[in-house]
């Protein structure tokens, strides 16, 4: 059965958080500055020696049930993929929220804050459907840009954003002091 894409209230975050976000890292995008960065950077996909599991929700302060304690999430959106009355994927979009750096203090930017699909449903177009729905959600709020942050270890997410017309605009090699081998990649899509 093909999942139905539905917009839900922000109040379902406890249920939403049960959709696993963890994934197995099989490759990374190696970031190499060209001419000290004066000629940009190159990204080269490389397999990892030993795959590992990355779980964003396991880090202190992360996870959907913790967001409301840090920000006013009343203007955020939740879109879920539902199959047989079960949430199998979803995304959260942040908008017009004081203190969320990704929004740059602007009301014409939305951030694809979180995107997750249960492992058994990955590779079936659900991520694409959720991204397209997030684009529509942001457009309905007159946003000019939709941002998405990921890391060089999440190669499938990078391919997904590129496929949907996002442009890689920020490469921050030093964004995560506690994770020095991970590089922040910020993608923008003009709406």
N, C-alpha and C. Protein backbone atom coordinates (compact mmCIF):
# COMPACT_ATOMS: atom_id res chain seq x y z
N UNK A 1 0.83 -1.18 0.00
CA UNK A 1 0.00 0.00 0.00
C UNK A 1 0.88 1.24 0.00
N UNK A 2 0.56 2.19 -0.90
CA UNK A 2 1.31 3.44 -0.98
C UNK A 2 0.87 4.34 0.18
N UNK A 3 1.83 4.85 0.95
CA UNK A 3 1.47 5.71 2.09
C UNK A 3 0.78 7.00 1.63
N UNK A 4 -0.09 7.49 2.48
CA UNK A 4 -0.77 8.76 2.26
C UNK A 4 0.04 9.85 2.95
N UNK A 5 0.21 10.99 2.29
CA UNK A 5 0.94 12.12 2.86
C UNK A 5 -0.10 13.07 3.47
N UNK A 6 0.03 13.32 4.78
CA UNK A 6 -0.95 14.15 5.49
C UNK A 6 -0.25 15.19 6.36
N UNK A 7 -0.84 16.37 6.40
CA UNK A 7 -0.36 17.41 7.30
C UNK A 7 -1.01 17.20 8.66
N UNK A 8 -0.21 17.27 9.71
CA UNK A 8 -0.72 17.02 11.05
C UNK A 8 -0.38 18.20 11.96
N UNK A 9 -0.92 18.19 13.16
CA UNK A 9 -0.66 19.28 14.09
C UNK A 9 0.69 19.05 14.77
N UNK A 10 1.28 20.13 15.24
CA UNK A 10 2.56 20.04 15.93
C UNK A 10 2.44 19.22 17.21
N UNK A 11 1.23 19.05 17.71
CA UNK A 11 1.00 18.28 18.94
C UNK A 11 1.27 16.80 18.82
N UNK A 12 1.50 16.29 17.61
CA UNK A 12 1.74 14.85 17.47
C UNK A 12 3.23 14.50 17.55
N UNK A 13 4.06 15.45 17.96
CA UNK A 13 5.49 15.16 18.01
C UNK A 13 5.87 13.93 18.84
N UNK A 14 5.20 13.64 19.96
CA UNK A 14 5.55 12.40 20.66
C UNK A 14 5.36 11.15 19.78
N UNK A 15 4.26 11.11 19.01
CA UNK A 15 4.03 9.99 18.11
C UNK A 15 5.01 10.03 16.94
N UNK A 16 5.23 11.24 16.41
CA UNK A 16 6.17 11.43 15.30
C UNK A 16 7.56 10.92 15.68
N UNK A 17 7.97 11.16 16.91
CA UNK A 17 9.32 10.80 17.35
C UNK A 17 9.56 9.28 17.33
N UNK A 18 8.50 8.51 17.22
CA UNK A 18 8.66 7.05 17.15
C UNK A 18 9.11 6.57 15.77
N UNK A 19 9.03 7.44 14.77
CA UNK A 19 9.55 7.10 13.45
C UNK A 19 11.08 7.16 13.56
N UNK A 20 11.77 6.07 13.29
CA UNK A 20 13.22 6.09 13.46
C UNK A 20 13.92 7.03 12.48
N UNK A 21 14.90 7.75 12.98
CA UNK A 21 15.70 8.62 12.12
C UNK A 21 17.08 8.02 11.85
N UNK A 22 17.44 6.99 12.58
CA UNK A 22 18.78 6.40 12.44
C UNK A 22 18.96 5.77 11.06
N UNK A 23 20.21 5.75 10.62
CA UNK A 23 20.54 5.15 9.34
C UNK A 23 21.96 4.61 9.41
N UNK A 24 22.26 3.71 8.50
CA UNK A 24 23.60 3.13 8.45
C UNK A 24 24.44 3.92 7.45
N UNK A 25 25.61 4.34 7.88
CA UNK A 25 26.53 5.11 7.04
C UNK A 25 27.42 4.12 6.27
N UNK A 26 27.29 4.15 4.95
CA UNK A 26 28.10 3.29 4.08
C UNK A 26 29.14 4.08 3.32
N UNK A 27 28.88 5.40 3.17
CA UNK A 27 29.83 6.26 2.45
C UNK A 27 29.72 7.67 3.01
N UNK A 28 30.71 8.48 2.72
CA UNK A 28 30.71 9.88 3.12
C UNK A 28 31.07 10.72 1.91
N UNK A 29 30.79 12.01 2.01
CA UNK A 29 31.26 12.95 1.02
C UNK A 29 32.52 13.61 1.59
N UNK A 30 33.66 13.28 1.03
CA UNK A 30 34.92 13.87 1.48
C UNK A 30 34.98 15.30 0.93
N UNK A 31 35.21 16.27 1.81
CA UNK A 31 35.26 17.68 1.44
C UNK A 31 36.72 18.10 1.33
N UNK A 32 37.10 18.58 0.16
CA UNK A 32 38.46 19.03 -0.08
C UNK A 32 38.44 20.46 -0.61
N UNK A 33 39.02 21.41 0.13
CA UNK A 33 39.12 22.78 -0.40
C UNK A 33 40.09 22.81 -1.59
N UNK A 34 39.72 23.52 -2.63
CA UNK A 34 40.59 23.69 -3.79
C UNK A 34 41.32 25.02 -3.65
N UNK A 35 42.63 25.00 -3.75
CA UNK A 35 43.46 26.20 -3.62
C UNK A 35 43.13 26.94 -2.32
N UNK A 36 43.12 26.18 -1.21
CA UNK A 36 42.85 26.78 0.10
C UNK A 36 41.42 27.30 0.23
N UNK A 37 40.54 26.89 -0.67
CA UNK A 37 39.15 27.33 -0.65
C UNK A 37 38.87 28.44 -1.65
N UNK A 38 39.89 29.06 -2.22
CA UNK A 38 39.68 30.14 -3.19
C UNK A 38 38.98 29.66 -4.45
N UNK A 39 39.13 28.39 -4.74
CA UNK A 39 38.46 27.82 -5.93
C UNK A 39 37.35 26.87 -5.51
N UNK A 40 36.78 27.13 -4.32
CA UNK A 40 35.66 26.32 -3.85
C UNK A 40 36.11 25.03 -3.19
N UNK A 41 35.22 24.08 -3.19
CA UNK A 41 35.50 22.77 -2.60
C UNK A 41 35.05 21.69 -3.57
N UNK A 42 35.63 20.53 -3.39
CA UNK A 42 35.15 19.37 -4.13
C UNK A 42 34.60 18.37 -3.12
N UNK A 43 33.55 17.70 -3.51
CA UNK A 43 32.94 16.65 -2.70
C UNK A 43 33.11 15.34 -3.46
N UNK A 44 33.73 14.39 -2.81
CA UNK A 44 33.96 13.10 -3.44
C UNK A 44 33.36 12.02 -2.55
N UNK A 45 32.46 11.23 -3.11
CA UNK A 45 31.86 10.15 -2.33
C UNK A 45 32.87 9.02 -2.18
N UNK A 46 33.06 8.61 -0.92
CA UNK A 46 33.99 7.54 -0.60
C UNK A 46 33.31 6.53 0.32
N UNK A 47 33.53 5.23 0.07
CA UNK A 47 32.98 4.23 1.00
C UNK A 47 33.72 4.32 2.34
N UNK A 48 33.04 3.95 3.41
CA UNK A 48 33.69 3.90 4.72
C UNK A 48 34.21 2.48 4.94
N UNK A 49 35.26 2.37 5.74
CA UNK A 49 35.83 1.05 6.01
C UNK A 49 34.85 0.13 6.71
N UNK A 50 34.27 0.63 7.80
CA UNK A 50 33.30 -0.13 8.57
C UNK A 50 32.04 0.71 8.73
N UNK A 51 30.93 0.29 8.15
CA UNK A 51 29.69 1.06 8.31
C UNK A 51 29.30 1.19 9.79
N UNK A 52 28.60 2.28 10.11
CA UNK A 52 28.12 2.50 11.47
C UNK A 52 26.72 3.11 11.43
N UNK A 53 26.06 3.08 12.57
CA UNK A 53 24.71 3.63 12.69
C UNK A 53 24.80 5.05 13.23
N UNK A 54 24.11 5.96 12.56
CA UNK A 54 24.00 7.35 13.02
C UNK A 54 22.56 7.55 13.47
N UNK A 55 22.39 8.07 14.68
CA UNK A 55 21.06 8.32 15.24
C UNK A 55 21.04 9.73 15.81
N UNK A 56 20.50 10.68 15.05
CA UNK A 56 20.47 12.08 15.47
C UNK A 56 19.71 12.26 16.78
N UNK A 57 18.67 11.47 17.01
CA UNK A 57 17.86 11.62 18.22
C UNK A 57 18.62 11.24 19.49
N UNK A 58 19.72 10.53 19.36
CA UNK A 58 20.44 10.06 20.54
C UNK A 58 21.34 11.14 21.17
N UNK A 59 21.53 12.26 20.47
CA UNK A 59 22.38 13.31 21.00
C UNK A 59 21.62 14.18 22.00
N UNK A 60 22.30 14.59 23.04
CA UNK A 60 21.70 15.38 24.10
C UNK A 60 21.02 16.63 23.53
N UNK A 61 19.77 16.84 23.92
CA UNK A 61 19.02 18.02 23.48
C UNK A 61 18.34 17.85 22.14
N UNK A 62 18.59 16.75 21.45
CA UNK A 62 17.96 16.52 20.15
C UNK A 62 16.70 15.69 20.32
N UNK A 63 15.96 15.59 19.25
CA UNK A 63 14.76 14.76 19.24
C UNK A 63 13.51 15.61 19.32
N UNK A 64 12.49 15.19 18.61
CA UNK A 64 11.25 15.95 18.49
C UNK A 64 10.58 16.32 19.81
N UNK A 65 10.67 15.48 20.81
CA UNK A 65 9.98 15.79 22.06
C UNK A 65 10.70 16.88 22.87
N UNK A 66 11.88 17.26 22.46
CA UNK A 66 12.65 18.28 23.19
C UNK A 66 12.56 19.67 22.56
N UNK A 67 12.08 19.76 21.33
CA UNK A 67 12.09 21.04 20.62
C UNK A 67 11.26 22.11 21.31
N UNK A 68 10.10 21.76 21.81
CA UNK A 68 9.21 22.75 22.43
C UNK A 68 9.83 23.38 23.68
N UNK A 69 10.76 22.70 24.32
CA UNK A 69 11.40 23.29 25.50
C UNK A 69 12.47 24.31 25.11
N UNK A 70 12.85 24.33 23.83
CA UNK A 70 13.88 25.26 23.37
C UNK A 70 13.34 26.41 22.53
N UNK A 71 12.23 26.16 21.82
CA UNK A 71 11.70 27.17 20.91
C UNK A 71 10.17 27.19 20.96
N UNK A 72 9.61 28.28 20.46
CA UNK A 72 8.16 28.36 20.26
C UNK A 72 7.89 27.68 18.91
N UNK A 73 7.37 26.48 18.95
CA UNK A 73 7.18 25.70 17.72
C UNK A 73 5.75 25.82 17.17
N UNK A 74 5.02 26.82 17.64
CA UNK A 74 3.61 26.95 17.26
C UNK A 74 3.43 27.25 15.77
N UNK A 75 4.45 27.77 15.10
CA UNK A 75 4.34 28.05 13.66
C UNK A 75 5.08 27.01 12.81
N UNK A 76 5.41 25.89 13.42
CA UNK A 76 6.08 24.82 12.69
C UNK A 76 5.04 23.88 12.07
N UNK A 77 5.44 23.19 11.04
CA UNK A 77 4.55 22.24 10.39
C UNK A 77 5.04 20.81 10.51
N UNK A 78 4.11 19.89 10.48
CA UNK A 78 4.42 18.46 10.52
C UNK A 78 3.67 17.79 9.36
N UNK A 79 4.40 17.05 8.57
CA UNK A 79 3.80 16.30 7.46
C UNK A 79 4.25 14.85 7.63
N UNK A 80 3.29 13.94 7.57
CA UNK A 80 3.61 12.52 7.78
C UNK A 80 3.18 11.66 6.60
N UNK A 81 3.90 10.57 6.45
CA UNK A 81 3.52 9.51 5.51
C UNK A 81 2.89 8.41 6.36
N UNK A 82 1.64 8.07 6.04
CA UNK A 82 0.89 7.12 6.85
C UNK A 82 0.49 5.92 5.98
N UNK A 83 0.81 4.73 6.47
CA UNK A 83 0.43 3.48 5.80
C UNK A 83 -0.21 2.57 6.83
N UNK A 84 -1.39 2.08 6.53
CA UNK A 84 -2.12 1.18 7.45
C UNK A 84 -2.21 1.78 8.85
N UNK A 85 -2.60 3.06 8.91
CA UNK A 85 -2.77 3.78 10.19
C UNK A 85 -1.49 3.88 11.01
N UNK A 86 -0.34 3.77 10.37
CA UNK A 86 0.94 3.86 11.06
C UNK A 86 1.81 4.91 10.35
N UNK A 87 2.43 5.79 11.13
CA UNK A 87 3.35 6.78 10.56
C UNK A 87 4.65 6.06 10.17
N UNK A 88 4.98 6.13 8.88
CA UNK A 88 6.19 5.47 8.38
C UNK A 88 7.24 6.47 7.92
N UNK A 89 6.90 7.73 7.94
CA UNK A 89 7.83 8.79 7.56
C UNK A 89 7.23 10.12 7.93
N UNK A 90 8.08 11.13 7.94
CA UNK A 90 7.58 12.46 8.24
C UNK A 90 8.66 13.51 8.12
N UNK A 91 8.19 14.75 8.10
CA UNK A 91 9.11 15.87 8.12
C UNK A 91 8.51 16.99 8.97
N UNK A 92 9.39 17.80 9.51
CA UNK A 92 8.98 18.97 10.29
C UNK A 92 9.62 20.17 9.65
N UNK A 93 8.83 21.24 9.49
CA UNK A 93 9.31 22.46 8.88
C UNK A 93 9.23 23.58 9.92
N UNK A 94 10.35 24.26 10.14
CA UNK A 94 10.40 25.39 11.07
C UNK A 94 10.16 26.68 10.29
N UNK A 95 9.44 27.61 10.92
CA UNK A 95 9.12 28.87 10.25
C UNK A 95 8.87 29.95 11.29
N UNK A 96 9.34 31.15 11.01
CA UNK A 96 9.01 32.35 11.78
C UNK A 96 9.16 32.11 13.29
N UNK A 97 10.38 31.72 13.70
CA UNK A 97 10.63 31.38 15.10
C UNK A 97 11.86 32.10 15.60
N UNK A 98 11.68 32.93 16.60
CA UNK A 98 12.79 33.65 17.21
C UNK A 98 13.77 32.65 17.80
N UNK A 99 15.05 32.89 17.59
CA UNK A 99 16.09 32.06 18.18
C UNK A 99 16.52 30.86 17.36
N UNK A 100 15.87 30.62 16.23
CA UNK A 100 16.29 29.51 15.36
C UNK A 100 17.23 30.09 14.31
N UNK A 101 18.52 29.86 14.51
CA UNK A 101 19.54 30.45 13.65
C UNK A 101 19.35 30.11 12.17
N UNK A 102 18.87 28.92 11.88
CA UNK A 102 18.69 28.52 10.48
C UNK A 102 17.71 29.43 9.74
N UNK A 103 16.85 30.11 10.48
CA UNK A 103 15.87 30.98 9.84
C UNK A 103 16.40 32.40 9.62
N UNK A 104 17.59 32.66 10.12
CA UNK A 104 18.29 33.92 9.88
C UNK A 104 17.49 35.15 10.29
N UNK A 105 16.54 35.01 11.19
CA UNK A 105 15.73 36.14 11.62
C UNK A 105 14.74 36.62 10.57
N UNK A 106 14.49 35.82 9.57
CA UNK A 106 13.61 36.22 8.46
C UNK A 106 12.32 35.39 8.49
N UNK A 107 11.24 36.00 8.04
CA UNK A 107 9.96 35.27 7.96
C UNK A 107 9.75 34.68 6.57
N UNK A 108 10.65 34.97 5.63
CA UNK A 108 10.50 34.42 4.28
C UNK A 108 11.39 33.20 4.04
N UNK A 109 11.92 32.63 5.14
CA UNK A 109 12.70 31.40 5.06
C UNK A 109 12.02 30.35 5.94
N UNK A 110 11.95 29.15 5.41
CA UNK A 110 11.52 28.00 6.21
C UNK A 110 12.68 27.00 6.20
N UNK A 111 12.75 26.21 7.25
CA UNK A 111 13.81 25.20 7.33
C UNK A 111 13.19 23.82 7.42
N UNK A 112 13.63 22.94 6.56
CA UNK A 112 13.25 21.53 6.65
C UNK A 112 14.03 20.98 7.84
N UNK A 113 13.41 21.08 9.00
CA UNK A 113 14.06 20.85 10.28
C UNK A 113 14.42 19.38 10.51
N UNK A 114 13.55 18.51 10.06
CA UNK A 114 13.70 17.09 10.36
C UNK A 114 13.03 16.31 9.24
N UNK A 115 13.68 15.25 8.81
CA UNK A 115 13.12 14.37 7.79
C UNK A 115 13.50 12.95 8.17
N UNK A 116 12.49 12.08 8.26
CA UNK A 116 12.76 10.70 8.68
C UNK A 116 11.80 9.76 7.97
N UNK A 117 12.33 8.59 7.61
CA UNK A 117 11.52 7.54 6.99
C UNK A 117 11.97 6.22 7.61
N UNK A 118 11.01 5.41 8.04
CA UNK A 118 11.32 4.10 8.61
C UNK A 118 12.15 3.31 7.61
N UNK A 119 13.13 2.57 8.11
CA UNK A 119 14.09 1.89 7.23
C UNK A 119 13.42 0.98 6.20
N UNK A 120 12.35 0.28 6.59
CA UNK A 120 11.72 -0.64 5.64
C UNK A 120 10.95 0.09 4.53
N UNK A 121 10.77 1.41 4.67
CA UNK A 121 10.07 2.19 3.64
C UNK A 121 11.01 3.09 2.85
N UNK A 122 12.29 3.05 3.14
CA UNK A 122 13.26 3.89 2.41
C UNK A 122 13.44 3.38 1.00
N UNK A 123 13.74 4.31 0.10
CA UNK A 123 13.95 3.96 -1.30
C UNK A 123 12.67 3.74 -2.07
N UNK A 124 11.54 4.17 -1.49
CA UNK A 124 10.24 3.96 -2.15
C UNK A 124 9.54 5.27 -2.51
N UNK A 125 10.29 6.37 -2.49
CA UNK A 125 9.73 7.66 -2.89
C UNK A 125 9.09 8.46 -1.77
N UNK A 126 9.10 7.95 -0.56
CA UNK A 126 8.46 8.67 0.55
C UNK A 126 9.23 9.94 0.88
N UNK A 127 10.56 9.87 0.92
CA UNK A 127 11.36 11.07 1.18
C UNK A 127 11.07 12.15 0.15
N UNK A 128 10.98 11.76 -1.11
CA UNK A 128 10.66 12.72 -2.17
C UNK A 128 9.29 13.35 -1.96
N UNK A 129 8.30 12.53 -1.63
CA UNK A 129 6.95 13.05 -1.41
C UNK A 129 6.94 14.02 -0.23
N UNK A 130 7.69 13.72 0.81
CA UNK A 130 7.75 14.61 1.98
C UNK A 130 8.44 15.92 1.64
N UNK A 131 9.54 15.86 0.88
CA UNK A 131 10.23 17.09 0.48
C UNK A 131 9.30 17.96 -0.37
N UNK A 132 8.61 17.35 -1.33
CA UNK A 132 7.68 18.11 -2.17
C UNK A 132 6.57 18.74 -1.34
N UNK A 133 6.09 18.02 -0.34
CA UNK A 133 5.05 18.56 0.54
C UNK A 133 5.59 19.70 1.38
N UNK A 134 6.84 19.59 1.84
CA UNK A 134 7.46 20.67 2.61
C UNK A 134 7.62 21.93 1.75
N UNK A 135 7.97 21.75 0.48
CA UNK A 135 8.07 22.88 -0.43
C UNK A 135 6.72 23.58 -0.54
N UNK A 136 5.66 22.81 -0.72
CA UNK A 136 4.31 23.40 -0.80
C UNK A 136 3.93 24.11 0.49
N UNK A 137 4.26 23.51 1.63
CA UNK A 137 3.96 24.11 2.94
C UNK A 137 4.64 25.48 3.05
N UNK A 138 5.92 25.55 2.66
CA UNK A 138 6.67 26.81 2.74
C UNK A 138 6.12 27.85 1.76
N UNK A 139 5.75 27.42 0.58
CA UNK A 139 5.19 28.36 -0.41
C UNK A 139 3.88 28.97 0.09
N UNK A 140 3.05 28.16 0.73
CA UNK A 140 1.78 28.67 1.25
C UNK A 140 1.98 29.73 2.33
N UNK A 141 3.16 29.79 2.89
CA UNK A 141 3.49 30.80 3.90
C UNK A 141 4.34 31.92 3.31
N UNK A 142 4.34 32.02 1.99
CA UNK A 142 5.05 33.05 1.24
C UNK A 142 6.55 33.06 1.49
N UNK A 143 7.12 31.91 1.77
CA UNK A 143 8.57 31.82 1.94
C UNK A 143 9.25 31.88 0.57
N UNK A 144 10.41 32.50 0.55
CA UNK A 144 11.20 32.59 -0.67
C UNK A 144 12.26 31.49 -0.75
N UNK A 145 12.63 30.96 0.43
CA UNK A 145 13.66 29.93 0.49
C UNK A 145 13.25 28.82 1.44
N UNK A 146 13.65 27.61 1.10
CA UNK A 146 13.55 26.48 2.01
C UNK A 146 14.96 25.96 2.20
N UNK A 147 15.39 25.86 3.47
CA UNK A 147 16.73 25.38 3.80
C UNK A 147 16.66 23.98 4.36
N UNK A 148 17.73 23.24 4.15
CA UNK A 148 17.86 21.91 4.74
C UNK A 148 19.32 21.72 5.14
N UNK A 149 19.53 21.28 6.36
CA UNK A 149 20.89 20.99 6.83
C UNK A 149 21.06 19.49 6.92
N UNK A 150 22.21 19.03 6.49
CA UNK A 150 22.59 17.64 6.71
C UNK A 150 24.09 17.60 6.89
N UNK A 151 24.63 16.41 6.91
CA UNK A 151 26.06 16.25 7.10
C UNK A 151 26.64 15.42 5.96
N UNK A 152 27.94 15.50 5.84
CA UNK A 152 28.62 14.76 4.77
C UNK A 152 28.52 13.25 4.95
N UNK A 153 28.07 12.79 6.12
CA UNK A 153 27.90 11.35 6.34
C UNK A 153 26.52 10.85 5.89
N UNK A 154 25.63 11.78 5.55
CA UNK A 154 24.28 11.40 5.13
C UNK A 154 24.17 11.60 3.61
N UNK A 155 24.86 10.77 2.89
CA UNK A 155 24.92 10.87 1.43
C UNK A 155 23.53 10.72 0.80
N UNK A 156 22.68 9.78 1.24
CA UNK A 156 21.35 9.70 0.64
C UNK A 156 20.56 11.01 0.76
N UNK A 157 20.67 11.70 1.90
CA UNK A 157 19.96 12.97 2.06
C UNK A 157 20.50 14.01 1.08
N UNK A 158 21.82 14.04 0.89
CA UNK A 158 22.41 14.99 -0.06
C UNK A 158 21.88 14.74 -1.47
N UNK A 159 21.81 13.48 -1.88
CA UNK A 159 21.28 13.15 -3.20
C UNK A 159 19.80 13.54 -3.30
N UNK A 160 19.05 13.34 -2.22
CA UNK A 160 17.63 13.70 -2.23
C UNK A 160 17.45 15.20 -2.43
N UNK A 161 18.19 16.00 -1.69
CA UNK A 161 18.04 17.46 -1.82
C UNK A 161 18.47 17.93 -3.21
N UNK A 162 19.57 17.41 -3.71
CA UNK A 162 20.00 17.79 -5.06
C UNK A 162 18.95 17.41 -6.10
N UNK A 163 18.37 16.25 -5.97
CA UNK A 163 17.34 15.77 -6.90
C UNK A 163 16.14 16.71 -6.93
N UNK A 164 15.85 17.35 -5.80
CA UNK A 164 14.67 18.22 -5.72
C UNK A 164 15.00 19.70 -5.89
N UNK A 165 16.13 19.98 -6.50
CA UNK A 165 16.45 21.35 -6.88
C UNK A 165 17.06 22.21 -5.80
N UNK A 166 17.51 21.61 -4.70
CA UNK A 166 18.23 22.37 -3.69
C UNK A 166 19.66 22.57 -4.19
N UNK A 167 20.26 23.67 -3.78
CA UNK A 167 21.64 23.98 -4.12
C UNK A 167 22.46 23.99 -2.84
N UNK A 168 23.60 23.33 -2.86
CA UNK A 168 24.49 23.34 -1.71
C UNK A 168 25.14 24.72 -1.63
N UNK A 169 24.87 25.45 -0.55
CA UNK A 169 25.35 26.83 -0.42
C UNK A 169 26.34 27.02 0.72
N UNK A 170 26.31 26.16 1.72
CA UNK A 170 27.20 26.31 2.87
C UNK A 170 27.87 24.98 3.16
N UNK A 171 29.18 25.02 3.28
CA UNK A 171 29.97 23.87 3.71
C UNK A 171 30.76 24.34 4.91
N UNK A 172 30.41 23.86 6.09
CA UNK A 172 31.07 24.28 7.32
C UNK A 172 31.80 23.07 7.90
N UNK A 173 33.10 23.05 7.69
CA UNK A 173 33.91 21.92 8.14
C UNK A 173 34.10 21.89 9.65
N UNK A 174 33.77 22.98 10.34
CA UNK A 174 34.02 23.07 11.78
C UNK A 174 32.75 23.34 12.56
N UNK A 175 31.62 22.94 12.05
CA UNK A 175 30.34 23.22 12.70
C UNK A 175 30.11 22.39 13.95
N UNK A 176 30.63 21.19 13.98
CA UNK A 176 30.34 20.26 15.06
C UNK A 176 31.62 19.93 15.81
N UNK A 177 31.91 20.72 16.82
CA UNK A 177 33.14 20.52 17.57
C UNK A 177 33.19 19.14 18.23
N UNK A 178 32.02 18.63 18.64
CA UNK A 178 31.97 17.32 19.28
C UNK A 178 32.04 16.17 18.27
N UNK A 179 31.90 16.50 16.98
CA UNK A 179 31.96 15.50 15.90
C UNK A 179 32.91 16.01 14.82
N UNK A 180 34.21 16.06 15.09
CA UNK A 180 35.15 16.71 14.17
C UNK A 180 35.26 16.07 12.79
N UNK A 181 34.78 14.85 12.62
CA UNK A 181 34.85 14.21 11.30
C UNK A 181 33.60 14.46 10.45
N UNK A 182 32.63 15.19 11.02
CA UNK A 182 31.41 15.49 10.26
C UNK A 182 31.42 16.93 9.78
N UNK A 183 30.94 17.13 8.57
CA UNK A 183 30.89 18.44 7.94
C UNK A 183 29.44 18.84 7.74
N UNK A 184 29.09 20.05 8.16
CA UNK A 184 27.73 20.57 7.96
C UNK A 184 27.57 21.00 6.50
N UNK A 185 26.48 20.54 5.89
CA UNK A 185 26.13 20.93 4.53
C UNK A 185 24.74 21.55 4.57
N UNK A 186 24.63 22.80 4.11
CA UNK A 186 23.34 23.50 4.13
C UNK A 186 22.90 23.74 2.69
N UNK A 187 21.71 23.25 2.41
CA UNK A 187 21.13 23.31 1.08
C UNK A 187 20.00 24.33 1.06
N UNK A 188 19.87 25.08 -0.02
CA UNK A 188 18.81 26.07 -0.19
C UNK A 188 18.02 25.74 -1.46
N UNK A 189 16.72 25.95 -1.36
CA UNK A 189 15.87 25.84 -2.54
C UNK A 189 15.08 27.13 -2.68
N UNK A 190 15.21 27.78 -3.82
CA UNK A 190 14.41 28.97 -4.09
C UNK A 190 13.00 28.54 -4.40
N UNK A 191 12.04 29.26 -3.83
CA UNK A 191 10.63 28.91 -4.03
C UNK A 191 9.94 29.91 -4.96
